Amino acid sequence: MQGSRSSENDQAVSGLPFADRATEAGYRTYFLAQDRRDAIIAIAVFVFFKATFSVFDLMFQTPEQADLLLEARFGFAGVSILVMMLFARVRNASQYDALMLAWVLLAILSNFFTIAHRPSGHFGFLGTSPMLILLLFVFFRNRFNLQFLSAALLTGSDFFTVLALRTPLPTQTLIQTSATYALAIIIGAIVSWQLHRARRQYFATHSNENRLRARLQELAYRDELTGVLNRRSFLLEAQVLWRAAGRTRQPACLLMLDLDHFKQINDTLGHEAGDHALIAFAKLVQSSKRPSDVFGRVGGEEFALFLPDADAGVARDVANRIIRECQALTANGQPSPRLSVSIGLAAVSRADSDLRATMARADRALYQAKADGRGRTALAKEPVGTGA
């Protein structure tokens, strides 16, 4: 677990995708709402400037050309508005990627169309396209390879226009223009990469904090060694079932279980063997109990099992099955010594004031089982006042 967290942090710092697909999917999902919002803003900004440039079409184009360009510009604006509405409905990263790439391709085609229909001596796009490149990198929080592909396609379409459809530029101007585009791509890539790294590092830290918080909650709720409910959690959950049994008049029973001669196991075989015995026994009971039963470790080698909707006969069958299966367990995985468990059984009674009263009766029955020779079940006496 520690190595996995370290690997995630290393990948976050490098800006690379997380090796674990679930983590990568979680990262994309976590930032999806922000990515959608940024995409909508970026499209709106681009559409605004695209519409603003229509003023130049009216100023410098013939009426026929101006009408054609205006139709193209506002047609693109209409489609872009539709795309913004679709971005608001995106529900996963794959949809976001596909829609983002589709709009970028549409923007590049629209850009090429308007440039191709301007006079051959017009080179104003060489100043605005680098800004669009930066827009693609900064606002579209997407996979880096798609950002770079979009910037490369835009650059390629512009240079095709310059070389094939425009009056040849002086070599010095062409070099300066190439340097401007290259600088825009480099700056955009650096900014985008830094944003990727920062976001991934934030997500890795956030995920680690959530895991740590969940682990702390788990430790507060469960016994660290055996993984079953700790005493406090058992009392809370069993108390709810105890009260429900009282309200519905349904039978319920409580078993107190204690491993026999546990101190001797620790003293002769060591605490590691004792831990192994506790873990093995907890697993045994977990596999034997019903889904509705509540099981927890309430002391060193003492456990409790609350059985709702179960009378004394059912509870005794459960207890005897646990005793039999426990005899097949060992403290350290070796053929000997064999484990045994003593169990005190108490049926919930209307005369019990609360769960602890039922536990006290079951505990006294447990001591009786110990006194009778261990490895057996003893039934608790009914409390005074039961027949009233």
Protein backbone atom coordinates (compact mmCIF):
# COMPACT_ATOMS: atom_id res chain seq x y z
CA MET A 1 0.00 0.00 0.00
CA GLN A 2 2.81 2.38 0.90
CA GLY A 3 4.63 1.57 -2.34
CA SER A 4 1.46 2.19 -4.34
CA ARG A 5 1.00 5.62 -2.76
CA SER A 6 4.64 6.49 -3.43
CA SER A 7 4.26 5.45 -7.08
CA GLU A 8 1.15 7.62 -7.44
CA ASN A 9 2.97 10.62 -6.00
CA ASP A 10 5.93 10.08 -8.36
CA GLN A 11 3.61 9.94 -11.37
CA ALA A 12 1.77 13.03 -10.17
CA VAL A 13 5.03 14.97 -9.94
CA SER A 14 6.09 13.79 -13.41
CA GLY A 15 2.70 14.68 -14.89
CA LEU A 16 2.34 11.20 -16.42
CA PRO A 17 -0.97 9.30 -16.31
CA PHE A 18 -1.44 7.08 -13.26
CA ALA A 19 -0.45 3.47 -13.86
CA ASP A 20 -3.61 2.25 -12.15
CA ARG A 21 -6.53 2.67 -14.55
CA ALA A 22 -9.00 3.13 -11.71
CA THR A 23 -6.90 5.97 -10.29
CA GLU A 24 -6.59 7.60 -13.71
CA ALA A 25 -10.34 7.30 -14.25
CA GLY A 26 -10.91 8.78 -10.80
CA TYR A 27 -8.59 11.68 -11.63
CA ARG A 28 -10.42 12.47 -14.87
CA THR A 29 -13.81 12.18 -13.16
CA TYR A 30 -12.73 14.39 -10.25
CA PHE A 31 -11.82 17.28 -12.56
CA LEU A 32 -14.51 16.66 -15.18
CA ALA A 33 -16.84 19.43 -13.97
CA GLN A 34 -13.99 21.97 -13.99
CA ASP A 35 -12.84 20.78 -17.41
CA ARG A 36 -16.32 21.19 -18.85
CA ARG A 37 -16.56 24.70 -17.46
CA ASP A 38 -13.16 25.66 -18.87
CA ALA A 39 -14.09 24.19 -22.26
CA ILE A 40 -17.29 26.23 -22.40
CA ILE A 41 -15.38 29.40 -21.46
CA ALA A 42 -12.70 28.71 -24.08
CA ILE A 43 -15.27 28.15 -26.83
CA ALA A 44 -17.19 31.26 -25.84
CA VAL A 45 -14.00 33.37 -25.95
CA PHE A 46 -13.04 31.97 -29.33
CA VAL A 47 -16.53 32.47 -30.78
CA PHE A 48 -16.60 36.06 -29.51
CA PHE A 49 -13.36 36.93 -31.26
CA LYS A 50 -14.43 35.02 -34.36
CA ALA A 51 -17.61 37.08 -34.53
CA THR A 52 -15.67 40.31 -33.82
CA PHE A 53 -13.44 39.74 -36.83
CA SER A 54 -16.52 39.90 -39.04
CA VAL A 55 -16.13 43.69 -38.83
CA PHE A 56 -12.98 43.39 -40.92
CA ASP A 57 -14.84 41.30 -43.47
CA LEU A 58 -17.38 44.08 -43.88
CA MET A 59 -14.60 46.67 -44.16
CA PHE A 60 -12.25 44.98 -46.60
CA GLN A 61 -14.23 42.34 -48.51
CA THR A 62 -16.56 42.62 -51.46
CA PRO A 63 -20.26 42.31 -50.53
CA GLU A 64 -20.43 38.79 -51.97
CA GLN A 65 -17.32 37.65 -50.09
CA ALA A 66 -18.44 39.41 -46.93
CA ASP A 67 -21.81 37.65 -47.01
CA LEU A 68 -20.13 34.27 -47.51
CA LEU A 69 -17.70 34.85 -44.64
CA LEU A 70 -20.43 36.12 -42.35
CA GLU A 71 -22.50 33.03 -43.04
CA ALA A 72 -19.48 30.85 -42.29
CA ARG A 73 -18.60 32.74 -39.11
CA PHE A 74 -22.09 32.77 -37.65
CA GLY A 75 -22.73 29.21 -38.77
CA PHE A 76 -19.63 28.23 -36.82
CA ALA A 77 -20.87 30.30 -33.87
CA GLY A 78 -24.21 28.47 -33.93
CA VAL A 79 -22.55 25.05 -34.00
CA SER A 80 -20.21 26.16 -31.20
CA ILE A 81 -23.17 27.16 -29.03
CA LEU A 82 -24.62 23.70 -29.62
CA VAL A 83 -21.26 22.18 -28.63
CA MET A 84 -21.23 24.28 -25.43
CA MET A 85 -24.67 22.87 -24.58
CA LEU A 86 -23.35 19.37 -25.22
CA PHE A 87 -20.33 20.03 -22.98
CA ALA A 88 -22.76 20.84 -20.16
CA ARG A 89 -24.22 17.33 -20.60
CA VAL A 90 -20.92 15.44 -20.77
CA ARG A 91 -20.83 12.72 -18.10
CA ASN A 92 -17.45 11.05 -18.56
CA ALA A 93 -13.92 11.78 -19.74
CA SER A 94 -14.26 9.83 -23.01
CA GLN A 95 -17.21 11.97 -24.08
CA TYR A 96 -15.26 15.08 -23.12
CA ASP A 97 -12.23 14.00 -25.18
CA ALA A 98 -14.31 13.20 -28.26
CA LEU A 99 -16.35 16.41 -28.11
CA MET A 100 -13.31 18.56 -27.46
CA LEU A 101 -11.36 17.09 -30.39
CA ALA A 102 -14.40 17.38 -32.69
CA TRP A 103 -14.82 21.07 -31.86
CA VAL A 104 -11.11 21.79 -32.31
CA LEU A 105 -11.17 20.20 -35.76
CA LEU A 106 -14.27 22.25 -36.57
CA ALA A 107 -12.53 25.43 -35.36
CA ILE A 108 -9.46 24.70 -37.50
CA LEU A 109 -11.60 24.05 -40.59
CA SER A 110 -13.59 27.23 -39.95
CA ASN A 111 -10.36 29.16 -39.47
CA PHE A 112 -8.93 27.75 -42.71
CA PHE A 113 -12.13 28.53 -44.62
CA THR A 114 -12.21 32.20 -43.59
CA ILE A 115 -8.48 32.63 -44.25
CA ALA A 116 -8.70 30.94 -47.65
CA HIS A 117 -11.44 33.36 -48.72
CA ARG A 118 -9.51 36.48 -47.82
CA PRO A 119 -7.22 38.35 -50.20
CA SER A 120 -3.92 36.66 -50.93
CA GLY A 121 -2.08 39.55 -49.29
CA HIS A 122 -3.90 39.13 -45.99
CA PHE A 123 -1.69 37.77 -43.17
CA GLY A 124 -3.55 38.90 -40.07
CA PHE A 125 -4.19 35.31 -39.00
CA LEU A 126 -0.45 34.93 -38.36
CA GLY A 127 -0.92 37.17 -35.34
CA THR A 128 -4.17 35.65 -34.01
CA SER A 129 -3.46 31.94 -34.53
CA PRO A 130 -0.66 31.81 -31.89
CA MET A 131 -3.22 33.13 -29.37
CA LEU A 132 -5.57 30.31 -30.38
CA ILE A 133 -2.75 27.83 -29.84
CA LEU A 134 -2.30 29.14 -26.29
CA LEU A 135 -6.06 28.93 -25.81
CA LEU A 136 -6.03 25.26 -26.83
CA PHE A 137 -3.28 24.43 -24.35
CA VAL A 138 -4.42 26.52 -21.39
CA PHE A 139 -8.20 26.20 -21.38
CA PHE A 140 -8.71 22.68 -22.66
CA ARG A 141 -7.63 20.57 -19.66
CA ASN A 142 -7.31 17.46 -21.73
CA ARG A 143 -4.81 14.78 -22.55
CA PHE A 144 -1.55 16.42 -23.49
CA ASN A 145 -1.21 14.48 -26.75
CA LEU A 146 -4.61 15.77 -27.96
CA GLN A 147 -3.65 19.35 -27.08
CA PHE A 148 -0.40 19.00 -28.98
CA LEU A 149 -2.18 17.39 -31.96
CA SER A 150 -4.66 20.28 -32.10
CA ALA A 151 -1.88 22.87 -32.01
CA ALA A 152 0.03 20.98 -34.73
CA LEU A 153 -3.05 20.79 -36.98
CA LEU A 154 -3.72 24.51 -36.60
CA THR A 155 -0.09 25.36 -37.32
CA GLY A 156 -0.05 23.06 -40.33
CA SER A 157 -3.19 24.56 -41.84
CA ASP A 158 -1.82 28.09 -41.39
CA PHE A 159 1.50 27.30 -43.03
CA PHE A 160 -0.23 25.48 -45.89
CA THR A 161 -2.22 28.69 -46.42
CA VAL A 162 0.93 30.82 -46.35
CA LEU A 163 2.83 28.61 -48.77
CA ALA A 164 0.00 27.67 -51.16
CA LEU A 165 -2.60 30.44 -51.10
CA ARG A 166 -0.78 33.63 -50.21
CA THR A 167 1.71 36.03 -51.71
CA PRO A 168 5.14 34.63 -50.84
CA LEU A 169 6.52 36.12 -47.61
CA PRO A 170 10.08 37.35 -47.32
CA THR A 171 12.35 34.73 -45.84
CA GLN A 172 13.03 36.87 -42.76
CA THR A 173 9.28 37.32 -42.09
CA LEU A 174 8.66 33.61 -42.60
CA ILE A 175 11.38 32.76 -40.09
CA GLN A 176 9.98 35.25 -37.57
CA THR A 177 6.48 33.84 -38.06
CA SER A 178 7.73 30.28 -37.60
CA ALA A 179 9.50 31.34 -34.42
CA THR A 180 6.27 32.94 -33.12
CA TYR A 181 4.28 29.75 -33.71
CA ALA A 182 7.01 27.63 -32.18
CA LEU A 183 7.17 29.91 -29.16
CA ALA A 184 3.39 29.73 -28.73
CA ILE A 185 3.50 25.92 -28.84
CA ILE A 186 6.43 25.77 -26.41
CA ILE A 187 4.85 28.19 -23.94
CA GLY A 188 1.48 26.47 -24.26
CA ALA A 189 3.05 23.05 -23.74
CA ILE A 190 5.02 24.21 -20.68
CA VAL A 191 2.00 25.87 -19.08
CA SER A 192 -0.20 22.89 -19.87
CA TRP A 193 2.36 20.44 -18.50
CA GLN A 194 2.70 22.45 -15.29
CA LEU A 195 -1.08 22.48 -14.91
CA HIS A 196 -1.18 18.73 -15.49
CA ARG A 197 1.49 18.14 -12.86
CA ALA A 198 -0.14 20.47 -10.32
CA ARG A 199 -3.55 18.88 -10.79
CA ARG A 200 -2.22 15.33 -10.64
CA GLN A 201 -0.17 16.11 -7.55
CA TYR A 202 -3.23 17.67 -5.91
CA PHE A 203 -5.36 14.65 -6.80
CA ALA A 204 -2.73 12.19 -5.53
CA THR A 205 -2.48 14.10 -2.24
CA HIS A 206 -6.26 14.36 -1.98
CA SER A 207 -6.66 10.63 -2.65
CA ASN A 208 -4.01 9.73 -0.08
CA GLU A 209 -5.71 11.92 2.51
CA ASN A 210 -9.05 10.25 1.79
CA ARG A 211 -7.47 6.79 2.12
CA LEU A 212 -5.83 7.80 5.39
CA ARG A 213 -9.11 9.21 6.70
CA ALA A 214 -10.92 6.00 5.73
CA ARG A 215 -8.19 3.95 7.40
CA LEU A 216 -8.48 5.98 10.60
CA GLN A 217 -12.25 5.53 10.55
CA GLU A 218 -11.75 1.82 9.99
CA LEU A 219 -9.37 1.63 12.95
CA ALA A 220 -11.90 3.48 15.09
CA TYR A 221 -14.66 1.08 14.00
CA ARG A 222 -12.86 -2.26 13.78
CA ASP A 223 -10.36 -4.24 15.76
CA GLU A 224 -6.97 -3.69 14.14
CA LEU A 225 -5.76 -7.28 14.56
CA THR A 226 -8.77 -9.37 13.57
CA GLY A 227 -10.70 -6.91 11.40
CA VAL A 228 -13.99 -7.56 13.21
CA LEU A 229 -15.94 -4.91 15.12
CA ASN A 230 -14.20 -3.52 18.17
CA ARG A 231 -15.96 -3.39 21.53
CA ARG A 232 -17.42 0.09 21.08
CA SER A 233 -18.75 -0.62 17.58
CA PHE A 234 -20.17 -3.99 18.62
CA LEU A 235 -22.06 -2.41 21.51
CA LEU A 236 -23.48 0.29 19.26
CA GLU A 237 -24.69 -2.11 16.55
CA ALA A 238 -25.86 -4.84 18.88
CA GLN A 239 -27.77 -2.31 21.00
CA VAL A 240 -29.81 -1.31 17.94
CA LEU A 241 -30.73 -4.96 17.29
CA TRP A 242 -31.41 -5.55 20.99
CA ARG A 243 -33.92 -2.67 21.06
CA ALA A 244 -35.54 -3.87 17.82
CA ALA A 245 -36.01 -7.32 19.37
CA GLY A 246 -37.72 -5.70 22.34
CA ARG A 247 -40.08 -3.68 20.16
CA THR A 248 -41.06 -6.53 17.84
CA ARG A 249 -41.06 -9.25 20.52
CA GLN A 250 -38.87 -11.33 18.19
CA PRO A 251 -36.44 -13.79 19.82
CA ALA A 252 -32.76 -12.86 19.93
CA CYS A 253 -29.69 -14.33 21.59
CA LEU A 254 -26.22 -13.28 22.59
CA LEU A 255 -23.13 -15.46 22.65
CA MET A 256 -20.02 -14.60 24.66
CA LEU A 257 -17.04 -16.56 23.32
CA ASP A 258 -13.66 -16.95 25.00
CA LEU A 259 -10.65 -18.93 23.76
CA ASP A 260 -9.52 -21.46 26.35
CA HIS A 261 -6.02 -21.36 27.88
CA PHE A 262 -5.12 -18.35 25.77
CA LYS A 263 -2.56 -17.04 28.26
CA GLN A 264 -0.79 -20.38 28.07
CA ILE A 265 -0.57 -20.04 24.27
CA ASN A 266 1.05 -16.62 24.62
CA ASP A 267 3.43 -17.78 27.34
CA THR A 268 4.58 -20.98 25.60
CA LEU A 269 4.38 -20.12 21.90
CA GLY A 270 4.69 -16.35 21.96
CA HIS A 271 2.40 -13.45 21.21
CA GLU A 272 2.69 -13.97 17.45
CA ALA A 273 1.10 -17.40 17.84
CA GLY A 274 -1.56 -15.84 20.02
CA ASP A 275 -2.31 -13.26 17.36
CA HIS A 276 -2.54 -16.03 14.77
CA ALA A 277 -5.05 -17.85 16.97
CA LEU A 278 -7.22 -14.74 17.38
CA ILE A 279 -7.20 -14.02 13.66
CA ALA A 280 -8.03 -17.63 12.74
CA PHE A 281 -10.85 -17.79 15.27
CA ALA A 282 -12.33 -14.47 14.11
CA LYS A 283 -12.33 -15.71 10.50
CA LEU A 284 -14.02 -18.92 11.60
CA VAL A 285 -16.88 -17.10 13.33
CA GLN A 286 -17.22 -14.63 10.45
CA SER A 287 -17.74 -17.51 8.05
CA SER A 288 -20.17 -19.28 10.41
CA LYS A 289 -22.46 -16.41 11.32
CA ARG A 290 -25.46 -15.17 9.35
CA PRO A 291 -25.29 -11.86 7.44
CA SER A 292 -27.66 -10.27 9.95
CA ASP A 293 -25.59 -11.30 12.99
CA VAL A 294 -23.24 -8.83 14.67
CA PHE A 295 -19.80 -10.08 15.72
CA GLY A 296 -17.04 -8.26 17.53
CA ARG A 297 -13.98 -8.56 19.73
CA VAL A 298 -14.85 -7.19 23.17
CA GLY A 299 -11.71 -8.12 25.09
CA GLY A 300 -8.29 -9.72 24.73
CA GLU A 301 -9.41 -13.21 23.72
CA GLU A 302 -13.11 -12.60 24.29
CA PHE A 303 -15.64 -12.13 21.49
CA ALA A 304 -19.38 -11.49 21.33
CA LEU A 305 -21.95 -12.58 18.74
CA PHE A 306 -25.48 -11.14 18.68
CA LEU A 307 -28.06 -13.18 16.80
CA PRO A 308 -31.30 -11.34 15.99
CA ASP A 309 -34.41 -13.39 15.19
CA ALA A 310 -32.89 -16.52 16.73
CA ASP A 311 -34.16 -18.51 19.71
CA ALA A 312 -31.98 -20.43 22.15
CA GLY A 313 -32.13 -23.58 20.01
CA VAL A 314 -30.80 -21.83 16.93
CA ALA A 315 -28.16 -20.02 18.97
CA ARG A 316 -27.01 -23.28 20.58
CA ASP A 317 -26.63 -24.88 17.15
CA VAL A 318 -24.48 -21.94 16.03
CA ALA A 319 -22.40 -22.15 19.21
CA ASN A 320 -21.85 -25.90 18.91
CA ARG A 321 -20.83 -25.53 15.26
CA ILE A 322 -18.26 -22.90 16.24
CA ILE A 323 -16.92 -25.18 18.98
CA ARG A 324 -16.54 -28.09 16.55
CA GLU A 325 -14.85 -26.04 13.85
CA CYS A 326 -12.59 -24.36 16.39
CA GLN A 327 -11.15 -27.74 17.30
CA ALA A 328 -9.61 -27.91 13.82
CA LEU A 329 -7.70 -24.66 14.38
CA THR A 330 -4.20 -24.32 15.78
CA ALA A 331 -2.39 -21.42 17.40
CA ASN A 332 0.51 -21.32 14.98
CA GLY A 333 -0.53 -23.35 11.95
CA GLN A 334 1.12 -26.52 13.33
CA PRO A 335 -0.72 -29.74 14.19
CA SER A 336 -0.76 -28.76 17.88
CA PRO A 337 -1.85 -27.29 20.14
CA ARG A 338 -5.51 -27.39 19.13
CA LEU A 339 -7.71 -24.47 20.05
CA SER A 340 -10.92 -24.66 21.99
CA VAL A 341 -13.56 -22.10 22.89
CA SER A 342 -16.05 -21.79 25.71
CA ILE A 343 -19.36 -20.07 25.03
CA GLY A 344 -21.98 -18.48 27.22
CA LEU A 345 -25.45 -18.19 25.68
CA ALA A 346 -28.15 -15.79 26.85
CA ALA A 347 -31.55 -15.32 25.27
CA VAL A 348 -32.70 -11.70 25.27
CA SER A 349 -35.33 -11.26 27.95
CA ARG A 350 -37.90 -8.55 28.62
CA ALA A 351 -36.49 -8.42 32.14
CA ASP A 352 -33.08 -7.26 30.84
CA SER A 353 -32.72 -3.51 31.26
CA ASP A 354 -30.37 -3.15 28.31
CA LEU A 355 -27.85 -4.98 26.17
CA ARG A 356 -25.23 -4.92 28.91
CA ALA A 357 -27.61 -6.82 31.21
CA THR A 358 -27.93 -9.55 28.59
CA MET A 359 -24.14 -9.57 28.15
CA ALA A 360 -23.66 -9.90 31.90
CA ARG A 361 -25.88 -13.01 31.97
CA ALA A 362 -24.07 -14.47 28.95
CA ASP A 363 -20.75 -13.71 30.65
CA ARG A 364 -21.79 -15.59 33.79
CA ALA A 365 -22.82 -18.51 31.60
CA LEU A 366 -19.40 -18.34 29.93
CA TYR A 367 -17.69 -18.74 33.31
CA GLN A 368 -19.97 -21.68 34.00
CA ALA A 369 -18.86 -23.30 30.73
CA LYS A 370 -15.25 -22.80 31.81
CA ALA A 371 -15.96 -24.34 35.19
CA ASP A 372 -17.72 -27.33 33.58
CA GLY A 373 -14.58 -28.26 31.65
CA ARG A 374 -14.24 -25.74 28.78
CA GLY A 375 -14.87 -26.30 25.09
CA ARG A 376 -18.63 -26.27 25.61
CA THR A 377 -21.72 -24.05 25.70
CA ALA A 378 -23.60 -23.03 28.84
CA LEU A 379 -27.05 -21.47 28.83
CA ALA A 380 -27.60 -18.41 31.00
CA LYS A 381 -30.30 -18.41 33.64
CA GLU A 382 -33.39 -16.36 32.99
CA PRO A 383 -33.36 -13.04 34.85
CA VAL A 384 -35.57 -12.46 37.83
CA GLY A 385 -38.96 -11.09 36.80
CA THR A 386 -39.21 -12.95 33.48
CA GLY A 387 -42.49 -14.52 34.30
CA ALA A 388 -44.14 -11.27 35.39
